[in-house]
Amino acid sequence: MFVALRKIGFVLLLRVLAALLAFYTASFVTNTLSVYESGVFFFVSTSILMLTSFSTFGLQNVVLKFYSQKKYEYNLVGSFYRTSFVTSCLVILMSYSFICIEGLLFDWFALVVLLYCSSLLQLSSLYYQAVGRLSRSILFQTILVNLLFVACAKLIDANTLIEVFLSFLAAYVLCAMCAVGLVSFRESLCQEWLMARDLTLGKQFFYINTLSQVLMLGGAVLAKANLSNEEFAMLSVGLRISALLNFLIVAINFVYSPKLVNMHSENKMRALMLLNRISILSLLCSLPVFLFLMFFSFEILRLFGEEYVQASGILLVLVAGQVSVSMLGAGGQYLMLTGHEILLRNITTVSVIFSLTSAYVGSLFYGVIGAASSIAISVVFHNISIICAIYYRERFFILSPRGLFR
C-alpha cells in the first residue's frame, strides 16, 4: 500500500508539472498570436489530437492490456509502429481538406509526419505505462512535448502562425524519436511486421477508443462550423483550463489501470473496492481545484491576454462539467479492460451522438456559450451512464463511501 501511495504521489507530481506546462504552452500561444490565429492553431492541433485515435487504430489499448498481463507471444510494439504509419497516411488523406483551412500552408507530408509522431508517442506512452515506467510515460506524452515546443518557438523567435506550427511539428518529431529510441533498448523493433494481425488485435478497441476521443474533442471541432476563429480560441482556452481538474484522476489511472486488470482476474470484489476508493479519492481531491478555478477565473484567463477575460462564463460551464470526470474515477478503464468492451462501446456511441448533435445545435443557436454548455452536459451524461452501467452489471456503486471503510 505504501509503495502504491508513493507511486501515486510521484505520478501526481509529474502530472501537476505536465498540467502547468500545458497551461503555460497555451498561454504562450495566445500571447504570441492574435486571437484569430490562436483559433486556427487550436483547431488544427485539436483535430490532429482527435485523429490520433484513428491512426493508432486502438493499438495503444492493446499495448496496455497485453503488456500489463504479460500475455503476448511476440514483441508487438515494433510492428504496431509500422502499422500506425500506414493508418496515419490514410487518415490524413481522408481529412486533409478538413484540416487545411484558413490558408494554412502545411502540405500533406508535414501533416502525416505530425500525426504519425503523435501516434508514436501514444503507443510509446502506453507501453511505458504497461511495463511500470510511469515517469517515462508522462514525460513523453506531455512534459517533453511542451518543453520542446516552447524551446523551438523561442529558438527561432516564432511570431507568425506558420513559425509556431513549425515549432509544434519539430517538438513532436524530436519527442517521438526519443521515445522510440528508448523503447528500442527494451524491445526489438526489427521483428516481422504483421499488419493484418495488428489490425485484428486493434479493432476490438478501435471503436471505443475513437468514440472516446470524438466524445472529448469532437463536439468542439464540430461546433467550429458555427463559430468564428476568435470564438473557437475562447472555447479552446476554456477547455484547456478546465482540464486541470483531471490531472489527479489521470495520475491515479496511470498507477492503477494495470493493477485493475490483474486484480479483476484474481478477485473481482477487490478490484471493485479499489475502483471505489479511486473514485472517492479523486472526487474529494478535485473539489479544491474546482473552487480555485471558480473563484479566480478572471485572474487565470487574464494570463492568456485581456481579450480572453470575456471567456469566464465559458470556463465556469466547462469546469462544472469536468467534475463528473473525477466522480467516474477509473470506471471507463475498468469496463474497457475487464471484458465489458461492448457495454462501454454502446454507452459511448449514445454519448457521442448526443454530444455531436447538441454541440452543433447549441453553437448554431447560442454561439460559443451554447457549445460549451453542450460539451459539459455531454461529459456529465457519459460519466453518469458509466457509473450506472457498472452498478447494473456488478451491483456495486463506485461512489459509495462505505467502501472506504471495508
Protein backbone atom coordinates (compact mmCIF):
# COMPACT_ATOMS: atom_id res chain seq x y z
CA MET A 1 0.00 0.00 0.00
CA PHE A 2 2.82 2.39 0.90
CA VAL A 3 4.55 1.69 -2.41
CA ALA A 4 1.33 2.38 -4.31
CA LEU A 5 0.80 5.66 -2.46
CA ARG A 6 4.38 6.66 -3.13
CA LYS A 7 3.87 5.94 -6.83
CA ILE A 8 0.67 7.99 -6.86
CA GLY A 9 2.47 10.86 -5.15
CA PHE A 10 5.30 10.79 -7.67
CA VAL A 11 3.00 10.46 -10.66
CA LEU A 12 0.76 13.18 -9.26
CA LEU A 13 3.77 15.49 -9.02
CA LEU A 14 4.62 14.78 -12.66
CA ARG A 15 1.00 15.31 -13.70
CA VAL A 16 0.91 18.67 -11.91
CA LEU A 17 4.09 19.64 -13.76
CA ALA A 18 2.56 18.45 -17.04
CA ALA A 19 -0.65 20.40 -16.40
CA LEU A 20 1.29 23.57 -15.59
CA LEU A 21 3.41 23.18 -18.72
CA ALA A 22 0.30 22.65 -20.86
CA PHE A 23 -1.21 25.74 -19.26
CA TYR A 24 1.94 27.75 -19.97
CA THR A 25 2.13 26.47 -23.55
CA ALA A 26 -1.45 27.54 -24.26
CA SER A 27 -0.82 30.98 -22.76
CA PHE A 28 2.40 31.22 -24.80
CA VAL A 29 0.42 30.62 -27.99
CA THR A 30 -2.30 33.14 -27.14
CA ASN A 31 0.25 35.80 -26.20
CA THR A 32 2.32 35.17 -29.34
CA LEU A 33 -0.50 35.02 -31.87
CA SER A 34 -3.63 37.07 -32.34
CA VAL A 35 -6.96 35.70 -31.13
CA TYR A 36 -7.84 34.84 -34.74
CA GLU A 37 -4.54 32.98 -35.34
CA SER A 38 -4.82 31.24 -31.97
CA GLY A 39 -8.20 29.91 -33.02
CA VAL A 40 -6.68 28.44 -36.19
CA PHE A 41 -3.79 26.88 -34.24
CA PHE A 42 -6.07 25.35 -31.61
CA PHE A 43 -8.44 23.99 -34.25
CA VAL A 44 -5.71 22.20 -36.22
CA SER A 45 -3.86 20.91 -33.12
CA THR A 46 -7.14 19.66 -31.61
CA SER A 47 -8.05 17.97 -34.89
CA ILE A 48 -4.67 16.21 -35.01
CA LEU A 49 -5.12 15.03 -31.43
CA MET A 50 -8.56 13.64 -32.26
CA LEU A 51 -7.32 11.96 -35.44
CA THR A 52 -4.60 10.19 -33.46
CA SER A 53 -7.27 7.81 -32.18
CA PHE A 54 -7.90 6.79 -35.80
CA SER A 55 -4.23 6.45 -36.75
CA THR A 56 -3.36 4.28 -33.73
CA PHE A 57 -6.37 2.05 -34.53
CA GLY A 58 -6.82 1.01 -30.89
CA LEU A 59 -3.32 -0.46 -30.75
CA GLN A 60 -2.35 1.66 -27.73
CA ASN A 61 -5.01 -0.15 -25.69
CA VAL A 62 -3.72 -3.49 -26.96
CA VAL A 63 -0.27 -2.49 -25.73
CA LEU A 64 -1.65 -1.55 -22.30
CA LYS A 65 -3.67 -4.74 -21.90
CA PHE A 66 -1.19 -7.28 -23.28
CA TYR A 67 1.97 -5.89 -21.72
CA SER A 68 0.23 -5.35 -18.35
CA GLN A 69 -0.81 -9.00 -18.24
CA LYS A 70 2.41 -10.19 -19.92
CA LYS A 71 0.21 -12.32 -22.18
CA TYR A 72 1.85 -11.94 -25.55
CA GLU A 73 3.75 -14.43 -27.65
CA TYR A 74 5.52 -11.89 -29.80
CA ASN A 75 7.02 -8.45 -29.45
CA LEU A 76 4.11 -6.33 -30.65
CA VAL A 77 5.16 -2.73 -30.29
CA GLY A 78 7.60 -2.57 -33.23
CA SER A 79 5.00 -3.94 -35.62
CA PHE A 80 2.45 -1.50 -34.21
CA TYR A 81 4.78 1.40 -35.03
CA ARG A 82 4.83 0.38 -38.70
CA THR A 83 1.10 -0.20 -38.90
CA SER A 84 0.33 3.21 -37.44
CA PHE A 85 2.36 4.85 -40.23
CA VAL A 86 0.07 3.32 -42.85
CA THR A 87 -3.06 4.32 -40.96
CA SER A 88 -1.68 7.84 -40.43
CA CYS A 89 -1.23 8.29 -44.18
CA LEU A 90 -4.78 7.09 -44.83
CA VAL A 91 -6.28 9.31 -42.12
CA ILE A 92 -4.56 12.46 -43.42
CA LEU A 93 -5.52 11.56 -46.98
CA MET A 94 -9.18 11.48 -45.96
CA SER A 95 -9.10 14.57 -43.71
CA TYR A 96 -6.61 16.85 -45.48
CA SER A 97 -9.17 19.29 -46.85
CA PHE A 98 -10.85 19.44 -43.44
CA ILE A 99 -7.65 20.34 -41.53
CA CYS A 100 -6.02 22.70 -44.04
CA ILE A 101 -8.25 25.71 -43.57
CA GLU A 102 -7.70 29.44 -43.44
CA GLY A 103 -4.83 29.32 -45.93
CA LEU A 104 -2.56 27.28 -43.68
CA LEU A 105 0.45 26.30 -45.79
CA PHE A 106 1.11 22.85 -44.36
CA ASP A 107 1.46 20.25 -47.06
CA TRP A 108 0.22 16.67 -46.89
CA PHE A 109 3.60 15.21 -45.90
CA ALA A 110 4.02 17.60 -42.94
CA LEU A 111 0.61 16.65 -41.57
CA VAL A 112 1.39 12.93 -41.99
CA VAL A 113 4.62 13.39 -40.04
CA LEU A 114 2.80 15.30 -37.29
CA LEU A 115 0.04 12.70 -36.97
CA TYR A 116 2.47 9.77 -37.14
CA CYS A 117 4.68 11.27 -34.43
CA SER A 118 1.60 11.81 -32.27
CA SER A 119 0.69 8.13 -32.81
CA LEU A 120 4.22 7.00 -31.89
CA LEU A 121 4.02 9.00 -28.66
CA GLN A 122 0.64 7.45 -27.79
CA LEU A 123 1.92 3.92 -28.37
CA SER A 124 5.20 4.51 -26.53
CA SER A 125 3.46 6.20 -23.60
CA LEU A 126 1.01 3.32 -23.11
CA TYR A 127 3.87 0.83 -23.45
CA TYR A 128 5.78 2.52 -20.64
CA GLN A 129 2.63 2.67 -18.54
CA ALA A 130 2.04 -1.05 -19.02
CA VAL A 131 5.60 -2.05 -18.06
CA GLY A 132 5.59 0.18 -14.98
CA ARG A 133 7.77 3.05 -16.26
CA LEU A 134 5.20 5.69 -15.37
CA SER A 135 7.59 8.64 -15.31
CA ARG A 136 8.69 7.98 -18.90
CA SER A 137 5.06 7.60 -19.96
CA ILE A 138 4.15 11.05 -18.65
CA LEU A 139 7.43 12.56 -19.80
CA PHE A 140 6.90 11.68 -23.45
CA GLN A 141 3.14 12.15 -23.53
CA THR A 142 3.02 15.71 -22.24
CA ILE A 143 6.07 17.19 -20.49
CA LEU A 144 8.79 16.83 -23.13
CA VAL A 145 6.48 17.82 -26.00
CA ASN A 146 5.51 21.09 -24.34
CA LEU A 147 9.08 21.88 -23.30
CA LEU A 148 10.43 21.27 -26.80
CA PHE A 149 7.59 23.22 -28.38
CA VAL A 150 8.29 26.36 -26.36
CA ALA A 151 12.07 25.91 -26.75
CA CYS A 152 11.83 25.57 -30.54
CA ALA A 153 9.49 28.56 -30.79
CA LYS A 154 11.82 30.74 -28.75
CA LEU A 155 14.87 29.50 -30.64
CA ILE A 156 13.52 30.69 -34.00
CA ASP A 157 11.75 33.67 -32.38
CA ALA A 158 8.39 32.48 -33.71
CA ASN A 159 5.79 35.22 -34.07
CA THR A 160 3.68 34.04 -37.01
CA LEU A 161 1.22 31.18 -37.34
CA ILE A 162 3.46 29.16 -39.67
CA GLU A 163 6.50 29.57 -37.43
CA VAL A 164 4.53 28.43 -34.39
CA PHE A 165 3.30 25.36 -36.29
CA LEU A 166 6.81 24.52 -37.45
CA SER A 167 7.92 24.64 -33.80
CA PHE A 168 4.99 22.41 -32.89
CA LEU A 169 5.97 19.91 -35.60
CA ALA A 170 9.65 19.94 -34.61
CA ALA A 171 8.75 19.24 -30.97
CA TYR A 172 6.69 16.19 -31.90
CA VAL A 173 9.38 14.82 -34.23
CA LEU A 174 12.14 15.15 -31.62
CA CYS A 175 10.00 13.73 -28.84
CA ALA A 176 8.85 10.77 -30.95
CA MET A 177 12.45 9.96 -31.91
CA CYS A 178 13.48 9.93 -28.23
CA ALA A 179 10.51 7.77 -27.19
CA VAL A 180 11.02 5.15 -29.91
CA GLY A 181 14.76 5.13 -29.30
CA LEU A 182 14.29 4.30 -25.62
CA VAL A 183 11.70 1.62 -26.37
CA SER A 184 14.22 0.00 -28.72
CA PHE A 185 16.54 -0.59 -25.75
CA ARG A 186 13.88 -2.81 -24.13
CA GLU A 187 12.22 -4.39 -27.14
CA SER A 188 13.44 -5.47 -30.55
CA LEU A 189 11.79 -3.29 -33.18
CA CYS A 190 13.08 -5.35 -36.10
CA GLN A 191 10.69 -8.27 -35.80
CA GLU A 192 8.32 -9.32 -38.56
CA TRP A 193 5.68 -6.76 -39.50
CA LEU A 194 2.23 -8.34 -39.42
CA MET A 195 -0.21 -5.62 -40.32
CA ALA A 196 -3.22 -7.93 -40.64
CA ARG A 197 -2.59 -9.29 -37.14
CA ASP A 198 -2.17 -5.78 -35.75
CA LEU A 199 -5.45 -4.58 -37.22
CA THR A 200 -7.23 -7.68 -35.93
CA LEU A 201 -5.92 -7.07 -32.41
CA GLY A 202 -6.68 -3.35 -32.52
CA LYS A 203 -10.19 -3.47 -33.92
CA GLN A 204 -11.69 -4.59 -30.58
CA PHE A 205 -10.50 -1.29 -29.04
CA PHE A 206 -10.56 0.93 -32.12
CA TYR A 207 -14.25 1.73 -31.99
CA ILE A 208 -14.30 2.51 -28.27
CA ASN A 209 -11.07 4.49 -28.34
CA THR A 210 -12.13 6.52 -31.36
CA LEU A 211 -15.53 7.24 -29.86
CA SER A 212 -13.88 8.35 -26.60
CA GLN A 213 -11.67 10.83 -28.43
CA VAL A 214 -14.59 12.09 -30.51
CA LEU A 215 -16.59 12.46 -27.30
CA MET A 216 -13.83 14.57 -25.72
CA LEU A 217 -12.92 16.68 -28.75
CA GLY A 218 -15.49 16.11 -31.47
CA GLY A 219 -18.08 18.46 -30.03
CA ALA A 220 -15.63 21.35 -30.02
CA VAL A 221 -14.37 20.55 -33.53
CA LEU A 222 -17.90 20.24 -34.94
CA ALA A 223 -19.02 23.43 -33.19
CA LYS A 224 -16.30 25.24 -35.17
CA ALA A 225 -18.67 25.14 -38.16
CA ASN A 226 -20.82 27.75 -36.39
CA LEU A 227 -18.08 29.66 -34.56
CA SER A 228 -15.54 32.23 -35.65
CA ASN A 229 -11.84 31.60 -35.06
CA GLU A 230 -11.93 34.08 -32.19
CA GLU A 231 -14.80 32.24 -30.53
CA PHE A 232 -13.09 28.90 -31.03
CA ALA A 233 -9.95 30.30 -29.38
CA MET A 234 -12.06 31.25 -26.33
CA LEU A 235 -13.59 27.78 -26.21
CA SER A 236 -10.19 26.09 -26.57
CA VAL A 237 -8.67 28.09 -23.73
CA GLY A 238 -11.63 27.19 -21.53
CA LEU A 239 -11.22 23.50 -22.36
CA ARG A 240 -7.50 23.57 -21.55
CA ILE A 241 -8.01 25.30 -18.21
CA SER A 242 -10.90 23.03 -17.20
CA ALA A 243 -8.69 20.02 -17.99
CA LEU A 244 -6.65 20.94 -14.90
CA LEU A 245 -9.35 19.14 -12.90
CA ASN A 246 -8.34 15.86 -14.49
CA PHE A 247 -4.67 15.72 -13.51
CA LEU A 248 -5.37 13.72 -10.35
CA ILE A 249 -7.55 11.06 -11.94
CA VAL A 250 -5.08 10.70 -14.80
CA ALA A 251 -2.29 10.18 -12.26
CA ILE A 252 -4.31 7.54 -10.41
CA ASN A 253 -5.24 5.79 -13.65
CA PHE A 254 -1.59 5.67 -14.64
CA VAL A 255 -0.78 3.73 -11.48
CA TYR A 256 -3.87 1.57 -11.08
CA SER A 257 -5.12 0.70 -14.60
CA PRO A 258 -2.64 -2.20 -15.00
CA LYS A 259 -3.42 -3.31 -11.41
CA LEU A 260 -7.17 -3.33 -12.09
CA VAL A 261 -6.66 -5.73 -14.99
CA ASN A 262 -4.69 -8.23 -12.93
CA MET A 263 -6.80 -7.82 -9.77
CA HIS A 264 -10.06 -8.36 -11.65
CA SER A 265 -8.88 -11.71 -12.98
CA GLU A 266 -7.93 -12.83 -9.44
CA ASN A 267 -10.62 -11.27 -7.25
CA LYS A 268 -13.35 -9.16 -8.80
CA MET A 269 -14.59 -7.75 -5.49
CA ARG A 270 -11.13 -6.48 -4.59
CA ALA A 271 -10.95 -4.76 -7.97
CA LEU A 272 -14.33 -3.09 -7.37
CA MET A 273 -13.27 -1.94 -3.91
CA LEU A 274 -10.13 -0.42 -5.41
CA LEU A 275 -12.26 1.29 -8.06
CA ASN A 276 -14.48 2.68 -5.30
CA ARG A 277 -11.50 4.15 -3.43
CA ILE A 278 -10.12 5.68 -6.61
CA SER A 279 -13.44 7.40 -7.39
CA ILE A 280 -13.93 8.81 -3.87
CA LEU A 281 -10.33 9.97 -3.62
CA SER A 282 -10.32 11.69 -7.00
CA LEU A 283 -13.64 13.42 -6.29
CA LEU A 284 -12.50 14.77 -2.93
CA CYS A 285 -9.17 15.96 -4.25
CA SER A 286 -10.68 17.67 -7.29
CA LEU A 287 -13.00 19.88 -5.23
CA PRO A 288 -10.27 22.35 -4.11
CA VAL A 289 -9.13 22.73 -7.73
CA PHE A 290 -12.75 23.24 -8.78
CA LEU A 291 -13.26 26.00 -6.20
CA PHE A 292 -9.97 27.65 -7.16
CA LEU A 293 -10.91 27.79 -10.83
CA MET A 294 -14.39 29.07 -9.98
CA PHE A 295 -13.25 31.93 -7.73
CA PHE A 296 -10.18 33.02 -9.71
CA SER A 297 -11.41 32.55 -13.28
CA PHE A 298 -10.82 36.19 -14.26
CA GLU A 299 -7.25 36.21 -12.96
CA ILE A 300 -6.44 32.92 -14.69
CA LEU A 301 -7.90 34.00 -18.03
CA ARG A 302 -6.01 37.29 -17.88
CA LEU A 303 -2.77 35.28 -18.15
CA PHE A 304 -3.81 34.39 -21.71
CA GLY A 305 -4.43 38.01 -22.64
CA GLU A 306 -7.01 40.65 -21.85
CA GLU A 307 -9.14 39.50 -24.77
CA TYR A 308 -9.80 36.18 -23.04
CA VAL A 309 -11.30 37.59 -19.83
CA GLN A 310 -14.70 37.60 -21.54
CA ALA A 311 -14.49 33.78 -21.66
CA SER A 312 -15.12 33.48 -17.90
CA GLY A 313 -18.68 32.20 -18.42
CA ILE A 314 -17.40 29.56 -20.85
CA LEU A 315 -14.77 28.45 -18.35
CA LEU A 316 -17.24 28.11 -15.46
CA VAL A 317 -19.58 25.94 -17.53
CA LEU A 318 -16.76 23.65 -18.68
CA VAL A 319 -15.27 23.35 -15.19
CA ALA A 320 -18.64 22.31 -13.79
CA GLY A 321 -18.87 19.55 -16.39
CA GLN A 322 -15.36 18.26 -15.67
CA VAL A 323 -16.26 17.47 -12.05
CA SER A 324 -18.13 14.40 -13.32
CA VAL A 325 -14.85 13.02 -14.70
CA SER A 326 -13.49 12.93 -11.17
CA MET A 327 -16.68 11.22 -9.98
CA LEU A 328 -16.15 8.46 -12.52
CA GLY A 329 -12.60 7.71 -11.43
CA ALA A 330 -11.23 4.76 -13.39
CA GLY A 331 -14.69 3.41 -14.27
CA GLY A 332 -14.22 3.72 -18.02
CA GLN A 333 -10.86 1.97 -17.90
CA TYR A 334 -12.41 -0.75 -15.73
CA LEU A 335 -15.09 -1.53 -18.30
CA MET A 336 -12.68 -1.42 -21.22
CA LEU A 337 -10.03 -3.70 -19.75
CA THR A 338 -12.18 -6.26 -17.90
CA GLY A 339 -14.33 -7.75 -20.65
CA HIS A 340 -17.10 -5.14 -20.83
CA GLU A 341 -15.96 -3.52 -24.07
CA ILE A 342 -19.33 -3.95 -25.80
CA LEU A 343 -21.21 -2.26 -22.96
CA LEU A 344 -18.75 0.64 -22.94
CA ARG A 345 -18.97 0.87 -26.72
CA ASN A 346 -22.78 1.16 -26.61
CA ILE A 347 -22.68 3.82 -23.89
CA THR A 348 -20.03 5.82 -25.72
CA THR A 349 -21.92 5.57 -29.01
CA VAL A 350 -25.03 7.11 -27.48
CA SER A 351 -22.92 9.76 -25.73
CA VAL A 352 -21.12 10.70 -28.95
CA ILE A 353 -24.37 11.06 -30.90
CA PHE A 354 -25.76 13.23 -28.11
CA SER A 355 -22.53 15.26 -27.87
CA LEU A 356 -22.15 15.98 -31.58
CA THR A 357 -25.82 16.80 -32.07
CA SER A 358 -26.07 19.06 -29.03
CA ALA A 359 -22.74 20.81 -29.78
CA TYR A 360 -23.79 21.65 -33.33
CA VAL A 361 -27.30 22.78 -32.38
CA GLY A 362 -26.09 24.63 -29.28
CA SER A 363 -23.41 26.53 -31.20
CA LEU A 364 -25.84 27.26 -34.03
CA PHE A 365 -28.44 28.94 -31.80
CA TYR A 366 -26.45 30.14 -28.79
CA GLY A 367 -22.91 30.56 -30.10
CA VAL A 368 -19.85 29.69 -28.05
CA ILE A 369 -21.69 29.52 -24.71
CA GLY A 370 -24.12 27.04 -26.27
CA ALA A 371 -21.20 24.92 -27.49
CA ALA A 372 -19.57 24.98 -24.04
CA SER A 373 -22.83 24.04 -22.32
CA SER A 374 -23.42 21.17 -24.74
CA ILE A 375 -19.90 19.81 -24.19
CA ALA A 376 -20.28 20.00 -20.39
CA ILE A 377 -23.69 18.29 -20.41
CA SER A 378 -22.37 15.55 -22.70
CA VAL A 379 -19.45 14.83 -20.36
CA VAL A 380 -21.80 14.59 -17.38
CA PHE A 381 -24.22 12.35 -19.28
CA HIS A 382 -21.45 9.98 -20.37
CA ASN A 383 -19.83 9.62 -16.96
CA ILE A 384 -23.09 9.11 -15.08
CA SER A 385 -24.07 6.49 -17.68
CA ILE A 386 -20.87 4.55 -16.97
CA ILE A 387 -21.45 4.71 -13.21
CA CYS A 388 -24.98 3.34 -13.73
CA ALA A 389 -23.66 0.63 -16.08
CA ILE A 390 -21.15 -0.58 -13.50
CA TYR A 391 -23.92 -0.73 -10.90
CA TYR A 392 -26.19 -2.62 -13.32
CA ARG A 393 -23.53 -5.20 -14.22
CA GLU A 394 -21.74 -5.58 -10.89
CA ARG A 395 -24.40 -4.40 -8.40
CA PHE A 396 -21.73 -2.11 -7.00
CA PHE A 397 -21.93 1.67 -6.59
CA ILE A 398 -18.45 3.08 -7.12
CA LEU A 399 -19.21 6.30 -5.21
CA SER A 400 -20.41 4.56 -2.04
CA PRO A 401 -18.49 5.99 0.98
CA ARG A 402 -18.89 2.64 2.79
CA GLY A 403 -16.25 1.13 0.55
CA LEU A 404 -13.60 3.32 2.14
CA PHE A 405 -14.02 1.59 5.50
CA ARG A 406 -14.11 -2.03 4.37
